[in-house]
Amino acid sequence: MWTSSGSRPGWSVFCPPRRETGRSRAGAEGVQESVLIQLVSLAGAGLILAAYAAHQAGRMGRDSLLYHAFNAVGGLVLCAVAIAASQVGFIVLEGAWTAISLVAIVRCLGRHSSGV
């Protein structure tokens, strides 16, 4: 792993140090926040995986509004977690996933309203 030439041990170009918020998140509060973030990210991943599994099993088509809604909500949740963690690659991935899913939702709604 490439490390910086700075004096901060453990800092690297791949994992910059977390920004200080002016107060320490030590102890139980920090653990609770970490657990909450993990649960939220698992819920987001679960939505995306549920849509994918249902599609692969033939229970949900790619034109299903529910399929795209699961993907959009799951992607949005994971994008928010990535933003909180300052993970640029995942922000791009999940942001694009969400945007693509939202476009698909608009298309589905357009087809339903036109009677097609």
Foldseek 3Di string as FASTA:
>chain_A
DAADPDPDPPARPQQHDDDDPPDDCDDPNVVVVVVVLVVLLVQLVVLLVVLVVCCVVVNADPLHLSSLVSQLSSLVSQLVSCVNRVNVVSVVVSVVSNVVSVVSNVVSVVCVVVVD
